[in-house]
C-alpha cells in the first residue's frame, strides 16, 4: 500500500513539474515570437528596405573593385534577404497566399544574391539582384497598386 501511494505521489509531482516547465517554455516562446515594432508596412519598407536598396543601386552599377565594396554588397544583400523574413510575419488582410509566395521568392533571390556576393561572382550576383528586384516589383504591383517600383 505504501508503495502505491509513493508511486502516485511521484507521478503527481512529476506531472506538476512537467506542467510548470511547459508553461515557462510557452511563456518564453511567446515572448520570443516576432512582434512588429511598427505596424505600418510603409515604415518597414522606407526605413529598413529602402536604405539597403539605395546603396545597392550604386554598388551594383559595376563590379566592385576592392574588398570594402564587396563587403557593402554582401552586407546589403544579406540585410535584404533576412529582413524579407519579416514580411512572413505581417500578412495583409487579403491575398495572403500571394504575399507568402512573393516574400519567399524575394527571400530566395536575396539569398542567392548574398551567396554570389560572398563568392565575389558579380555576374551571378547581378542576376540574383535583378531577380530579387523583380520579385519586389511584382509584390508592389499586387499590394501597393504598382507604386514604389525599384530600378536596378
Foldseek 3Di string as FASTA:
>chain_A
DVVVVVVVVVVVVVVVVVVVVVVVVVVVVVVPDDDDPDLDVVCCCVPQLVVLLVLVVVLLPDQDDDPVSLVSQLVSLVSQLVCLVVQVVRADPPDRVLSVVLSVQLNVLSVQLNVCSVVSNSVSNSVSVVSNLVSVQVVCVVPVVSPDRGDD
